Amino acid sequence: MKGIVWEDGRYRPLNGGYAARFSERFGVEVCNRSHFGYTVRKGAVLLQRMLERGGGDGDIVLLEYGGNDCDFDWEAVAADPQGRHNPKTSPEEFCELYGRLVSMLQSRGMRVALMTLPPIDAQRYLGWVAPEEHKRRSVLRWLGDSQVIYRFQEMYSGLAAKVAAQTGALLADIRPAFLTQHDMGSLLCRDGIHPNAAGHALIFDTLCEIAQSNL
């Protein structure tokens, strides 16, 4: 949601990410408080501070968590492929904290929308987090199958949809728009996880359709 892309050997904010374009398209003010790399746990702290300082007077809040929550400490995995490793946020804690965030905002009269996650390219991401062959083999020994990375991320996207259903939040389901693309890999950055400019354009188009139908 921050609009971070990998370009010219570094991560940088994309000019004209979907949040900014949404603001222009509908003539609304968008206050983008997203942070690169945040989990729902860090987001909860950020939101609490914002509300304590008098923020949170918007009409609708769009939340997107899960992509960082489902990630692992890949250096630790590579160093100990026989060990037990947990994601940054367990599925149980993810649902609990996410539901708490939604309730906190709803109690203040705001409408909440939860966004599903754009899919990832597991093979490309594996090469990104373990570029050295010996580390990649070690990580694969723990995974058993590189597609476990994809399936785990897909599970967290499903958990976001579950929280939306449980709390009555609007679901901004952008994932199918990616999955139906025959060249989905062309919508992702070199790291296999962040949407590139074309991916952001697809998210923008999908959010516009959702907004026109629901808001």
Protein backbone atom coordinates (compact mmCIF):
# COMPACT_ATOMS: atom_id res chain seq x y z
CA MET A 1 0.00 0.00 0.00
CA LYS A 2 3.01 2.29 0.43
CA GLY A 3 3.72 1.87 -3.27
CA ILE A 4 7.22 0.43 -2.81
CA VAL A 5 8.78 -1.14 -5.90
CA TRP A 6 12.20 -2.60 -6.67
CA GLU A 7 13.82 -0.53 -9.38
CA ASP A 8 17.39 0.31 -10.41
CA GLY A 9 18.86 -1.88 -7.67
CA ARG A 10 16.88 -0.47 -4.75
CA TYR A 11 13.43 -0.20 -3.20
CA ARG A 12 11.76 3.14 -3.80
CA PRO A 13 8.25 4.63 -3.61
CA LEU A 14 6.37 4.48 -6.88
CA ASN A 15 5.16 7.79 -8.25
CA GLY A 16 1.42 7.54 -8.71
CA GLY A 17 0.74 4.43 -6.62
CA TYR A 18 -2.83 3.25 -6.42
CA ALA A 19 -3.62 5.17 -3.21
CA ALA A 20 -2.67 8.51 -4.79
CA ARG A 21 -4.47 7.68 -8.03
CA PHE A 22 -7.58 6.70 -6.07
CA SER A 23 -7.59 10.10 -4.42
CA GLU A 24 -7.48 11.84 -7.81
CA ARG A 25 -10.05 9.53 -9.40
CA PHE A 26 -12.76 10.03 -6.77
CA GLY A 27 -11.89 13.50 -5.53
CA VAL A 28 -11.37 12.37 -1.95
CA GLU A 29 -8.61 13.01 0.55
CA VAL A 30 -6.46 9.94 1.18
CA CYS A 31 -4.20 9.94 4.23
CA ASN A 32 -1.75 7.09 3.56
CA ARG A 33 -0.24 5.92 6.84
CA SER A 34 1.14 2.65 5.53
CA HIS A 35 4.69 1.57 6.34
CA PHE A 36 7.05 -0.65 4.39
CA GLY A 37 7.54 -4.00 6.12
CA TYR A 38 4.90 -3.59 8.84
CA THR A 39 3.10 -6.53 10.39
CA VAL A 40 -0.36 -6.29 11.94
CA ARG A 41 1.31 -6.12 15.36
CA LYS A 42 3.27 -3.01 14.39
CA GLY A 43 0.19 -1.63 12.68
CA ALA A 44 -1.83 -1.98 15.88
CA VAL A 45 0.72 0.13 17.77
CA LEU A 46 0.72 2.75 15.01
CA LEU A 47 -3.07 2.92 14.95
CA GLN A 48 -3.35 3.20 18.72
CA ARG A 49 -0.91 6.11 18.76
CA MET A 50 -2.74 7.80 15.92
CA LEU A 51 -6.07 7.57 17.71
CA GLU A 52 -4.56 8.81 20.99
CA ARG A 53 -3.24 11.88 19.17
CA GLY A 54 -6.66 12.74 17.83
CA GLY A 55 -6.36 11.11 14.42
CA GLY A 56 -8.86 8.74 12.93
CA ASP A 57 -11.55 11.15 11.76
CA GLY A 58 -11.90 9.64 8.30
CA ASP A 59 -15.01 8.08 6.82
CA ILE A 60 -13.43 4.81 5.76
CA VAL A 61 -10.18 3.00 6.57
CA LEU A 62 -8.53 0.53 4.21
CA LEU A 63 -6.23 -1.98 5.90
CA GLU A 64 -3.84 -4.41 4.26
CA TYR A 65 -1.86 -6.82 6.42
CA GLY A 66 -0.63 -10.37 6.04
CA GLY A 67 2.18 -10.16 3.51
CA ASN A 68 4.81 -9.43 6.14
CA ASP A 69 3.05 -11.41 8.87
CA CYS A 70 3.38 -14.67 6.94
CA ASP A 71 7.09 -14.19 6.27
CA PHE A 72 9.89 -16.13 7.99
CA ASP A 73 13.39 -15.35 9.18
CA TRP A 74 15.04 -16.91 6.14
CA GLU A 75 18.57 -16.52 7.48
CA ALA A 76 17.58 -18.56 10.52
CA VAL A 77 15.87 -21.13 8.31
CA ALA A 78 18.95 -21.46 6.11
CA ALA A 79 21.18 -21.86 9.17
CA ASP A 80 18.99 -24.55 10.73
CA PRO A 81 16.83 -26.36 8.14
CA GLN A 82 16.00 -29.10 10.64
CA GLY A 83 14.71 -26.67 13.26
CA ARG A 84 11.28 -25.31 14.02
CA HIS A 85 10.57 -21.89 12.55
CA ASN A 86 7.50 -19.72 12.94
CA PRO A 87 6.17 -16.85 10.83
CA LYS A 88 6.49 -13.30 12.12
CA THR A 89 2.85 -13.47 13.25
CA SER A 90 1.07 -16.74 13.94
CA PRO A 91 -2.29 -17.28 12.18
CA GLU A 92 -4.09 -17.15 15.53
CA GLU A 93 -2.49 -13.89 16.61
CA PHE A 94 -3.00 -12.43 13.14
CA CYS A 95 -6.76 -12.99 13.27
CA GLU A 96 -7.04 -11.78 16.85
CA LEU A 97 -5.08 -8.55 16.31
CA TYR A 98 -6.67 -7.83 12.94
CA GLY A 99 -10.14 -8.28 14.39
CA ARG A 100 -9.23 -6.00 17.28
CA LEU A 101 -8.05 -3.29 14.88
CA VAL A 102 -11.30 -3.45 12.93
CA SER A 103 -13.43 -3.28 16.09
CA MET A 104 -11.42 -0.33 17.39
CA LEU A 105 -12.10 1.65 14.23
CA GLN A 106 -15.74 0.60 13.96
CA SER A 107 -16.36 1.71 17.54
CA ARG A 108 -15.35 5.21 16.44
CA GLY A 109 -17.95 5.21 13.67
CA MET A 110 -15.61 4.51 10.78
CA ARG A 111 -16.26 2.05 8.00
CA VAL A 112 -13.46 -0.46 7.54
CA ALA A 113 -12.33 -2.34 4.44
CA LEU A 114 -9.78 -5.15 4.45
CA MET A 115 -7.77 -5.87 1.35
CA THR A 116 -6.71 -9.33 0.26
CA LEU A 117 -3.10 -9.85 -0.78
CA PRO A 118 -1.77 -9.80 -4.32
CA PRO A 119 -0.28 -13.25 -5.01
CA ILE A 120 3.47 -13.86 -5.06
CA ASP A 121 5.89 -15.76 -7.28
CA ALA A 122 7.33 -18.29 -4.82
CA GLN A 123 10.23 -19.41 -7.00
CA ARG A 124 11.35 -15.85 -7.66
CA TYR A 125 11.00 -14.93 -3.99
CA LEU A 126 13.01 -17.97 -2.90
CA GLY A 127 15.85 -16.86 -5.15
CA TRP A 128 15.54 -13.38 -3.66
CA VAL A 129 15.79 -14.38 0.01
CA ALA A 130 18.39 -17.08 -0.64
CA PRO A 131 20.48 -16.01 -3.65
CA GLU A 132 23.40 -18.29 -2.73
CA GLU A 133 22.86 -21.85 -3.91
CA HIS A 134 23.86 -23.48 -0.62
CA LYS A 135 21.39 -21.30 1.30
CA ARG A 136 18.66 -21.96 -1.24
CA ARG A 137 19.17 -25.71 -0.92
CA SER A 138 19.05 -25.38 2.86
CA VAL A 139 15.80 -23.37 2.78
CA LEU A 140 14.29 -25.88 0.35
CA ARG A 141 15.25 -28.69 2.70
CA TRP A 142 13.10 -27.04 5.37
CA LEU A 143 10.27 -26.14 3.01
CA GLY A 144 10.16 -29.42 1.13
CA ASP A 145 8.55 -27.54 -1.76
CA SER A 146 9.09 -23.91 -2.81
CA GLN A 147 5.34 -23.52 -3.37
CA VAL A 148 4.85 -23.76 0.41
CA ILE A 149 5.82 -20.07 0.39
CA TYR A 150 2.98 -19.30 -2.02
CA ARG A 151 0.45 -21.40 -0.11
CA PHE A 152 1.36 -19.86 3.23
CA GLN A 153 0.91 -16.36 1.83
CA GLU A 154 -2.39 -17.43 0.27
CA MET A 155 -3.55 -18.68 3.66
CA TYR A 156 -2.97 -15.28 5.25
CA SER A 157 -4.89 -13.61 2.45
CA GLY A 158 -7.74 -15.99 3.26
CA LEU A 159 -7.47 -15.13 6.95
CA ALA A 160 -7.90 -11.45 6.07
CA ALA A 161 -11.10 -12.35 4.22
CA LYS A 162 -12.20 -14.39 7.25
CA VAL A 163 -11.68 -11.43 9.60
CA ALA A 164 -13.67 -9.20 7.24
CA ALA A 165 -16.58 -11.66 7.32
CA GLN A 166 -16.45 -12.01 11.10
CA THR A 167 -16.37 -8.26 11.76
CA GLY A 168 -18.71 -7.07 9.01
CA ALA A 169 -15.91 -5.14 7.30
CA LEU A 170 -15.99 -4.58 3.56
CA LEU A 171 -13.69 -6.93 1.67
CA ALA A 172 -11.58 -5.35 -1.05
CA ASP A 173 -10.72 -8.58 -2.83
CA ILE A 174 -7.99 -7.69 -5.31
CA ARG A 175 -6.34 -11.13 -5.47
CA PRO A 176 -8.54 -12.67 -8.22
CA ALA A 177 -7.61 -9.84 -10.58
CA PHE A 178 -4.01 -11.07 -10.43
CA LEU A 179 -4.77 -14.78 -10.49
CA THR A 180 -6.72 -14.53 -13.73
CA GLN A 181 -3.77 -12.93 -15.55
CA HIS A 182 -1.88 -15.42 -17.72
CA ASP A 183 1.27 -13.30 -17.34
CA MET A 184 0.93 -12.64 -13.61
CA GLY A 185 4.69 -12.64 -13.15
CA SER A 186 4.92 -9.50 -15.28
CA LEU A 187 2.91 -7.66 -12.60
CA LEU A 188 5.49 -8.30 -9.88
CA CYS A 189 8.89 -6.84 -9.12
CA ARG A 190 12.10 -8.81 -9.34
CA ASP A 191 11.71 -9.92 -5.70
CA GLY A 192 8.53 -11.82 -6.58
CA ILE A 193 6.39 -10.23 -3.88
CA HIS A 194 5.89 -6.52 -4.52
CA PRO A 195 3.60 -5.42 -7.36
CA ASN A 196 5.36 -3.31 -9.96
CA ALA A 197 3.87 -0.30 -11.74
CA ALA A 198 1.64 -2.56 -13.87
CA GLY A 199 0.54 -4.42 -10.74
CA HIS A 200 -0.35 -1.16 -9.02
CA ALA A 201 -2.38 -0.14 -12.05
CA LEU A 202 -4.33 -3.40 -11.77
CA ILE A 203 -4.95 -2.84 -8.06
CA PHE A 204 -6.15 0.69 -8.82
CA ASP A 205 -8.62 -0.53 -11.46
CA THR A 206 -9.92 -3.23 -9.11
CA LEU A 207 -10.34 -0.84 -6.18
CA CYS A 208 -12.23 1.56 -8.44
CA GLU A 209 -14.67 -1.20 -9.36
CA ILE A 210 -15.11 -2.13 -5.69
CA ALA A 211 -15.64 1.50 -4.68
CA GLN A 212 -18.20 2.13 -7.41
CA SER A 213 -20.16 -0.93 -6.31
CA ASN A 214 -19.98 -0.51 -2.54
CA LEU A 215 -19.27 3.08 -1.49
